[in-house]
């Protein structure tokens, strides 16, 4: 048994604080990697990017049949 009185004994901590600290370190590392890749892939200011695209007109369906209806009032 310990010779220290109960009031002076350190409370025993489980592995939870170490797991939380490790998770936070891994999260910070992943965010740093993601930020680095995003900055690397971003084009530099002032560079011109040209895109060439050919547009073709859409095919039109034939017009539907026209019907005329005449109504007479009594």
PDB file of N, CA and C in Angstrom:
ATOM      1  N   UNK A   1       0.823  -1.184   0.000  1.00  0.00           N
ATOM      2  CA  UNK A   1       0.000   0.000   0.000  1.00  0.00           C
ATOM      3  C   UNK A   1       0.870   1.252   0.000  1.00  0.00           C
ATOM      4  N   UNK A   2       0.268   2.336  -0.399  1.00  0.00           N
ATOM      5  CA  UNK A   2       0.980   3.594  -0.488  1.00  0.00           C
ATOM      6  C   UNK A   2       1.085   4.234   0.883  1.00  0.00           C
ATOM      7  N   UNK A   3       2.157   4.979   1.096  1.00  0.00           N
ATOM      8  CA  UNK A   3       2.326   5.658   2.375  1.00  0.00           C
ATOM      9  C   UNK A   3       1.729   7.048   2.338  1.00  0.00           C
ATOM     10  N   UNK A   4       1.329   7.527   1.160  1.00  0.00           N
ATOM     11  CA  UNK A   4       0.730   8.856   1.051  1.00  0.00           C
ATOM     12  C   UNK A   4      -0.715   8.802   1.510  1.00  0.00           C
ATOM     13  N   UNK A   5      -1.171   9.861   2.176  1.00  0.00           N
ATOM     14  CA  UNK A   5      -2.593   9.911   2.542  1.00  0.00           C
ATOM     15  C   UNK A   5      -3.451   9.974   1.275  1.00  0.00           C
ATOM     16  N   UNK A   6      -4.697   9.586   1.417  1.00  0.00           N
ATOM     17  CA  UNK A   6      -5.601   9.558   0.258  1.00  0.00           C
ATOM     18  C   UNK A   6      -5.719  10.913  -0.425  1.00  0.00           C
ATOM     19  N   UNK A   7      -5.726  11.991   0.294  1.00  0.00           N
ATOM     20  CA  UNK A   7      -5.926  13.318  -0.286  1.00  0.00           C
ATOM     21  C   UNK A   7      -4.749  13.757  -1.160  1.00  0.00           C
ATOM     22  N   UNK A   8      -3.548  13.200  -0.959  1.00  0.00           N
ATOM     23  CA  UNK A   8      -2.376  13.623  -1.713  1.00  0.00           C
ATOM     24  C   UNK A   8      -2.056  12.688  -2.863  1.00  0.00           C
ATOM     25  N   UNK A   9      -2.761  11.588  -2.973  1.00  0.00           N
ATOM     26  CA  UNK A   9      -2.491  10.630  -4.026  1.00  0.00           C
ATOM     27  C   UNK A   9      -3.013  11.168  -5.362  1.00  0.00           C
ATOM     28  N   UNK A  10      -2.254  10.987  -6.442  1.00  0.00           N
ATOM     29  CA  UNK A  10      -2.686  11.451  -7.764  1.00  0.00           C
ATOM     30  C   UNK A  10      -3.813  10.562  -8.260  1.00  0.00           C
ATOM     31  N   UNK A  11      -4.834  11.190  -8.863  1.00  0.00           N
ATOM     32  CA  UNK A  11      -5.897  10.354  -9.436  1.00  0.00           C
ATOM     33  C   UNK A  11      -5.348   9.592 -10.636  1.00  0.00           C
ATOM     34  N   UNK A  12      -5.741   8.345 -10.749  1.00  0.00           N
ATOM     35  CA  UNK A  12      -5.241   7.507 -11.838  1.00  0.00           C
ATOM     36  C   UNK A  12      -6.032   7.796 -13.101  1.00  0.00           C
ATOM     37  N   UNK A  13      -5.312   8.076 -14.159  1.00  0.00           N
ATOM     38  CA  UNK A  13      -5.955   8.343 -15.449  1.00  0.00           C
ATOM     39  C   UNK A  13      -5.838   7.099 -16.300  1.00  0.00           C
ATOM     40  N   UNK A  14      -6.872   6.868 -17.083  1.00  0.00           N
ATOM     41  CA  UNK A  14      -6.853   5.738 -17.999  1.00  0.00           C
ATOM     42  C   UNK A  14      -6.152   6.127 -19.290  1.00  0.00           C
ATOM     43  N   UNK A  15      -6.227   5.289 -20.303  1.00  0.00           N
ATOM     44  CA  UNK A  15      -5.566   5.579 -21.581  1.00  0.00           C
ATOM     45  C   UNK A  15      -6.345   6.577 -22.449  1.00  0.00           C
ATOM     46  N   UNK A  16      -7.510   7.029 -21.993  1.00  0.00           N
ATOM     47  CA  UNK A  16      -8.341   7.921 -22.811  1.00  0.00           C
ATOM     48  C   UNK A  16      -7.642   9.230 -23.181  1.00  0.00           C
ATOM     49  N   UNK A  17      -6.982   9.941 -22.263  1.00  0.00           N
ATOM     50  CA  UNK A  17      -6.303  11.182 -22.673  1.00  0.00           C
ATOM     51  C   UNK A  17      -5.222  10.949 -23.728  1.00  0.00           C
ATOM     52  N   UNK A  18      -4.500   9.855 -23.635  1.00  0.00           N
ATOM     53  CA  UNK A  18      -3.455   9.565 -24.635  1.00  0.00           C
ATOM     54  C   UNK A  18      -4.088   9.259 -25.986  1.00  0.00           C
ATOM     55  N   UNK A  19      -5.216   8.560 -25.989  1.00  0.00           N
ATOM     56  CA  UNK A  19      -5.903   8.243 -27.242  1.00  0.00           C
ATOM     57  C   UNK A  19      -6.450   9.511 -27.883  1.00  0.00           C
ATOM     58  N   UNK A  20      -7.005  10.396 -27.065  1.00  0.00           N
ATOM     59  CA  UNK A  20      -7.527  11.665 -27.595  1.00  0.00           C
ATOM     60  C   UNK A  20      -6.392  12.512 -28.156  1.00  0.00           C
ATOM     61  N   UNK A  21      -5.261  12.576 -27.464  1.00  0.00           N
ATOM     62  CA  UNK A  21      -4.122  13.358 -27.952  1.00  0.00           C
ATOM     63  C   UNK A  21      -3.599  12.787 -29.263  1.00  0.00           C
ATOM     64  N   UNK A  22      -3.527  11.463 -29.356  1.00  0.00           N
ATOM     65  CA  UNK A  22      -3.070  10.835 -30.593  1.00  0.00           C
ATOM     66  C   UNK A  22      -4.033  11.121 -31.742  1.00  0.00           C
ATOM     67  N   UNK A  23      -5.336  11.062 -31.474  1.00  0.00           N
ATOM     68  CA  UNK A  23      -6.332  11.347 -32.509  1.00  0.00           C
ATOM     69  C   UNK A  23      -6.215  12.798 -32.982  1.00  0.00           C
ATOM     70  N   UNK A  24      -5.994  13.729 -32.061  1.00  0.00           N
ATOM     71  CA  UNK A  24      -5.833  15.138 -32.448  1.00  0.00           C
ATOM     72  C   UNK A  24      -4.564  15.351 -33.273  1.00  0.00           C
ATOM     73  N   UNK A  25      -3.496  14.654 -32.922  1.00  0.00           N
ATOM     74  CA  UNK A  25      -2.263  14.766 -33.709  1.00  0.00           C
ATOM     75  C   UNK A  25      -2.457  14.212 -35.123  1.00  0.00           C
ATOM     76  N   UNK A  26      -3.141  13.082 -35.237  1.00  0.00           N
ATOM     77  CA  UNK A  26      -3.402  12.514 -36.560  1.00  0.00           C
ATOM     78  C   UNK A  26      -4.311  13.423 -37.386  1.00  0.00           C
ATOM     79  N   UNK A  27      -5.291  14.044 -36.746  1.00  0.00           N
ATOM     80  CA  UNK A  27      -6.176  14.975 -37.448  1.00  0.00           C
ATOM     81  C   UNK A  27      -5.398  16.191 -37.949  1.00  0.00           C
ATOM     82  N   UNK A  28      -4.541  16.746 -37.101  1.00  0.00           N
ATOM     83  CA  UNK A  28      -3.732  17.901 -37.519  1.00  0.00           C
ATOM     84  C   UNK A  28      -2.795  17.518 -38.667  1.00  0.00           C
ATOM     85  N   UNK A  29      -2.228  16.329 -38.621  1.00  0.00           N
ATOM     86  CA  UNK A  29      -1.345  15.861 -39.697  1.00  0.00           C
ATOM     87  C   UNK A  29      -2.122  15.724 -41.002  1.00  0.00           C
ATOM     88  N   UNK A  30      -3.312  15.123 -40.941  1.00  0.00           N
ATOM     89  CA  UNK A  30      -4.125  14.940 -42.147  1.00  0.00           C
ATOM     90  C   UNK A  30      -4.546  16.285 -42.725  1.00  0.00           C
ATOM     91  N   UNK A  31      -4.916  17.229 -41.865  1.00  0.00           N
ATOM     92  CA  UNK A  31      -5.295  18.559 -42.359  1.00  0.00           C
ATOM     93  C   UNK A  31      -4.097  19.263 -43.001  1.00  0.00           C
ATOM     94  N   UNK A  32      -2.913  19.080 -42.462  1.00  0.00           N
ATOM     95  CA  UNK A  32      -1.713  19.676 -43.054  1.00  0.00           C
ATOM     96  C   UNK A  32      -1.413  19.088 -44.419  1.00  0.00           C
ATOM     97  N   UNK A  33      -1.556  17.779 -44.547  1.00  0.00           N
ATOM     98  CA  UNK A  33      -1.352  17.123 -45.852  1.00  0.00           C
ATOM     99  C   UNK A  33      -2.367  17.648 -46.865  1.00  0.00           C
ATOM    100  N   UNK A  34      -3.643  17.728 -46.464  1.00  0.00           N
ATOM    101  CA  UNK A  34      -4.689  18.199 -47.376  1.00  0.00           C
ATOM    102  C   UNK A  34      -4.444  19.643 -47.804  1.00  0.00           C
ATOM    103  N   UNK A  35      -4.048  20.483 -46.881  1.00  0.00           N
ATOM    104  CA  UNK A  35      -3.773  21.883 -47.220  1.00  0.00           C
ATOM    105  C   UNK A  35      -2.579  21.987 -48.161  1.00  0.00           C
ATOM    106  N   UNK A  36      -1.551  21.214 -47.912  1.00  0.00           N
ATOM    107  CA  UNK A  36      -0.381  21.230 -48.793  1.00  0.00           C
ATOM    108  C   UNK A  36      -0.713  20.795 -50.205  1.00  0.00           C
ATOM    109  N   UNK A  37      -1.521  19.761 -50.348  1.00  0.00           N
ATOM    110  CA  UNK A  37      -1.917  19.302 -51.678  1.00  0.00           C
ATOM    111  C   UNK A  37      -2.803  20.334 -52.371  1.00  0.00           C
ATOM    112  N   UNK A  38      -3.701  20.958 -51.624  1.00  0.00           N
ATOM    113  CA  UNK A  38      -4.571  21.967 -52.223  1.00  0.00           C
ATOM    114  C   UNK A  38      -3.764  23.158 -52.719  1.00  0.00           C
ATOM    115  N   UNK A  39      -2.776  23.567 -51.963  1.00  0.00           N
ATOM    116  CA  UNK A  39      -1.950  24.703 -52.399  1.00  0.00           C
ATOM    117  C   UNK A  39      -1.073  24.324 -53.578  1.00  0.00           C
ATOM    118  N   UNK A  40      -0.626  23.087 -53.647  1.00  0.00           N
ATOM    119  CA  UNK A  40       0.225  22.644 -54.745  1.00  0.00           C
ATOM    120  C   UNK A  40      -0.561  22.538 -56.049  1.00  0.00           C
ATOM    121  N   UNK A  41      -1.814  22.116 -55.976  1.00  0.00           N
ATOM    122  CA  UNK A  41      -2.623  21.930 -57.174  1.00  0.00           C
ATOM    123  C   UNK A  41      -3.238  23.232 -57.673  1.00  0.00           C
ATOM    124  N   UNK A  42      -3.260  24.251 -56.868  1.00  0.00           N
ATOM    125  CA  UNK A  42      -3.862  25.523 -57.246  1.00  0.00           C
ATOM    126  C   UNK A  42      -2.972  26.225 -58.271  1.00  0.00           C
ATOM    127  N   UNK A  43      -3.549  26.736 -59.368  1.00  0.00           N
ATOM    128  CA  UNK A  43      -2.714  27.439 -60.357  1.00  0.00           C
ATOM    129  C   UNK A  43      -2.139  28.727 -59.774  1.00  0.00           C
ATOM    130  N   UNK A  44      -0.993  29.108 -60.269  1.00  0.00           N
ATOM    131  CA  UNK A  44      -0.358  30.340 -59.800  1.00  0.00           C
ATOM    132  C   UNK A  44      -1.097  31.537 -60.375  1.00  0.00           C
ATOM    133  N   UNK A  45      -1.181  32.627 -59.625  1.00  0.00           N
ATOM    134  CA  UNK A  45      -1.859  33.820 -60.133  1.00  0.00           C
ATOM    135  C   UNK A  45      -1.147  34.369 -61.363  1.00  0.00           C
ATOM    136  N   UNK A  46      -1.917  34.808 -62.325  1.00  0.00           N
ATOM    137  CA  UNK A  46      -1.346  35.407 -63.524  1.00  0.00           C
ATOM    138  C   UNK A  46      -1.148  34.433 -64.666  1.00  0.00           C
ATOM    139  N   UNK A  47      -1.204  33.142 -64.399  1.00  0.00           N
ATOM    140  CA  UNK A  47      -1.068  32.171 -65.472  1.00  0.00           C
ATOM    141  C   UNK A  47      -2.396  32.060 -66.217  1.00  0.00           C
ATOM    142  N   UNK A  48      -2.311  31.908 -67.535  1.00  0.00           N
ATOM    143  CA  UNK A  48      -3.501  31.807 -68.362  1.00  0.00           C
ATOM    144  C   UNK A  48      -3.839  30.345 -68.594  1.00  0.00           C
ATOM    145  N   UNK A  49      -5.096  30.017 -68.415  1.00  0.00           N
ATOM    146  CA  UNK A  49      -5.562  28.668 -68.704  1.00  0.00           C
ATOM    147  C   UNK A  49      -6.572  28.769 -69.841  1.00  0.00           C
ATOM    148  N   UNK A  50      -6.344  28.031 -70.899  1.00  0.00           N
ATOM    149  CA  UNK A  50      -7.215  28.060 -72.064  1.00  0.00           C
ATOM    150  C   UNK A  50      -7.905  26.721 -72.211  1.00  0.00           C
ATOM    151  N   UNK A  51      -9.210  26.776 -72.383  1.00  0.00           N
ATOM    152  CA  UNK A  51      -9.999  25.569 -72.619  1.00  0.00           C
ATOM    153  C   UNK A  51     -10.662  25.695 -73.978  1.00  0.00           C
ATOM    154  N   UNK A  52     -10.594  24.641 -74.790  1.00  0.00           N
ATOM    155  CA  UNK A  52     -11.223  24.628 -76.105  1.00  0.00           C
ATOM    156  C   UNK A  52     -12.309  23.571 -76.072  1.00  0.00           C
ATOM    157  N   UNK A  53     -13.509  23.971 -76.473  1.00  0.00           N
ATOM    158  CA  UNK A  53     -14.633  23.051 -76.452  1.00  0.00           C
ATOM    159  C   UNK A  53     -15.491  23.307 -77.683  1.00  0.00           C
ATOM    160  N   UNK A  54     -15.864  22.256 -78.380  1.00  0.00           N
ATOM    161  CA  UNK A  54     -16.718  22.379 -79.554  1.00  0.00           C
ATOM    162  C   UNK A  54     -18.143  22.036 -79.159  1.00  0.00           C
ATOM    163  N   UNK A  55     -19.047  22.947 -79.445  1.00  0.00           N
ATOM    164  CA  UNK A  55     -20.459  22.744 -79.128  1.00  0.00           C
ATOM    165  C   UNK A  55     -21.206  22.354 -80.401  1.00  0.00           C
ATOM    166  N   UNK A  56     -21.988  21.304 -80.318  1.00  0.00           N
ATOM    167  CA  UNK A  56     -22.815  20.888 -81.451  1.00  0.00           C
ATOM    168  C   UNK A  56     -24.269  21.172 -81.124  1.00  0.00           C
ATOM    169  N   UNK A  57     -25.051  21.618 -82.115  1.00  0.00           N
ATOM    170  CA  UNK A  57     -26.466  21.891 -81.827  1.00  0.00           C
ATOM    171  C   UNK A  57     -27.202  20.591 -81.506  1.00  0.00           C
ATOM    172  N   UNK A  58     -28.183  20.706 -80.640  1.00  0.00           N
ATOM    173  CA  UNK A  58     -28.968  19.540 -80.258  1.00  0.00           C
ATOM    174  C   UNK A  58     -29.942  19.178 -81.376  1.00  0.00           C
ATOM    175  N   UNK A  59     -30.238  17.905 -81.489  1.00  0.00           N
ATOM    176  CA  UNK A  59     -31.226  17.472 -82.474  1.00  0.00           C
ATOM    177  C   UNK A  59     -32.614  17.877 -81.997  1.00  0.00           C
ATOM    178  N   UNK A  60     -33.402  18.411 -82.942  1.00  0.00           N
ATOM    179  CA  UNK A  60     -34.756  18.834 -82.607  1.00  0.00           C
ATOM    180  C   UNK A  60     -35.749  17.758 -83.038  1.00  0.00           C
ATOM    181  N   UNK A  61     -36.718  17.518 -82.178  1.00  0.00           N
ATOM    182  CA  UNK A  61     -37.760  16.553 -82.510  1.00  0.00           C
ATOM    183  C   UNK A  61     -38.729  17.196 -83.497  1.00  0.00           C
ATOM    184  N   UNK A  62     -39.390  16.401 -84.357  1.00  0.00           N
ATOM    185  CA  UNK A  62     -40.357  16.990 -85.286  1.00  0.00           C
ATOM    186  C   UNK A  62     -41.510  17.615 -84.497  1.00  0.00           C
ATOM    187  N   UNK A  63     -42.091  18.684 -85.037  1.00  0.00           N
ATOM    188  CA  UNK A  63     -43.178  19.342 -84.298  1.00  0.00           C
ATOM    189  C   UNK A  63     -44.376  18.399 -84.177  1.00  0.00           C
ATOM    190  N   UNK A  64     -45.099  18.469 -83.064  1.00  0.00           N
ATOM    191  CA  UNK A  64     -46.267  17.603 -82.899  1.00  0.00           C
ATOM    192  C   UNK A  64     -47.389  18.017 -83.860  1.00  0.00           C
ATOM    193  N   UNK A  65     -48.331  17.131 -84.083  1.00  0.00           N
ATOM    194  CA  UNK A  65     -49.446  17.408 -84.977  1.00  0.00           C
ATOM    195  C   UNK A  65     -50.322  18.507 -84.385  1.00  0.00           C
ATOM    196  N   UNK A  66     -50.755  19.446 -85.210  1.00  0.00           N
ATOM    197  CA  UNK A  66     -51.576  20.545 -84.756  1.00  0.00           C
ATOM    198  C   UNK A  66     -53.050  20.206 -84.942  1.00  0.00           C
ATOM    199  N   UNK A  67     -53.842  20.421 -83.921  1.00  0.00           N
ATOM    200  CA  UNK A  67     -55.276  20.143 -83.976  1.00  0.00           C
ATOM    201  C   UNK A  67     -56.014  21.432 -83.646  1.00  0.00           C
ATOM    202  N   UNK A  68     -57.023  21.771 -84.462  1.00  0.00           N
ATOM    203  CA  UNK A  68     -57.848  22.940 -84.213  1.00  0.00           C
ATOM    204  C   UNK A  68     -59.213  22.483 -83.727  1.00  0.00           C
ATOM    205  N   UNK A  69     -59.682  23.073 -82.630  1.00  0.00           N
ATOM    206  CA  UNK A  69     -60.982  22.723 -82.055  1.00  0.00           C
ATOM    207  C   UNK A  69     -61.836  23.980 -82.102  1.00  0.00           C
ATOM    208  N   UNK A  70     -63.031  23.851 -82.680  1.00  0.00           N
ATOM    209  CA  UNK A  70     -63.972  24.974 -82.760  1.00  0.00           C
ATOM    210  C   UNK A  70     -65.162  24.657 -81.858  1.00  0.00           C
ATOM    211  N   UNK A  71     -65.506  25.600 -80.993  1.00  0.00           N
ATOM    212  CA  UNK A  71     -66.629  25.419 -80.071  1.00  0.00           C
ATOM    213  C   UNK A  71     -67.638  26.499 -80.364  1.00  0.00           C
ATOM    214  N   UNK A  72     -68.904  26.102 -80.531  1.00  0.00           N
ATOM    215  CA  UNK A  72     -69.959  27.105 -80.749  1.00  0.00           C
ATOM    216  C   UNK A  72     -70.833  27.144 -79.508  1.00  0.00           C
ATOM    217  N   UNK A  73     -71.283  28.318 -79.182  1.00  0.00           N
ATOM    218  CA  UNK A  73     -72.124  28.488 -77.996  1.00  0.00           C
ATOM    219  C   UNK A  73     -73.587  28.411 -78.438  1.00  0.00           C
ATOM    220  N   UNK A  74     -74.430  27.764 -77.627  1.00  0.00           N
ATOM    221  CA  UNK A  74     -75.852  27.693 -77.999  1.00  0.00           C
ATOM    222  C   UNK A  74     -76.612  28.960 -77.769  1.00  0.00           C
TER     223      UNK A  74
END
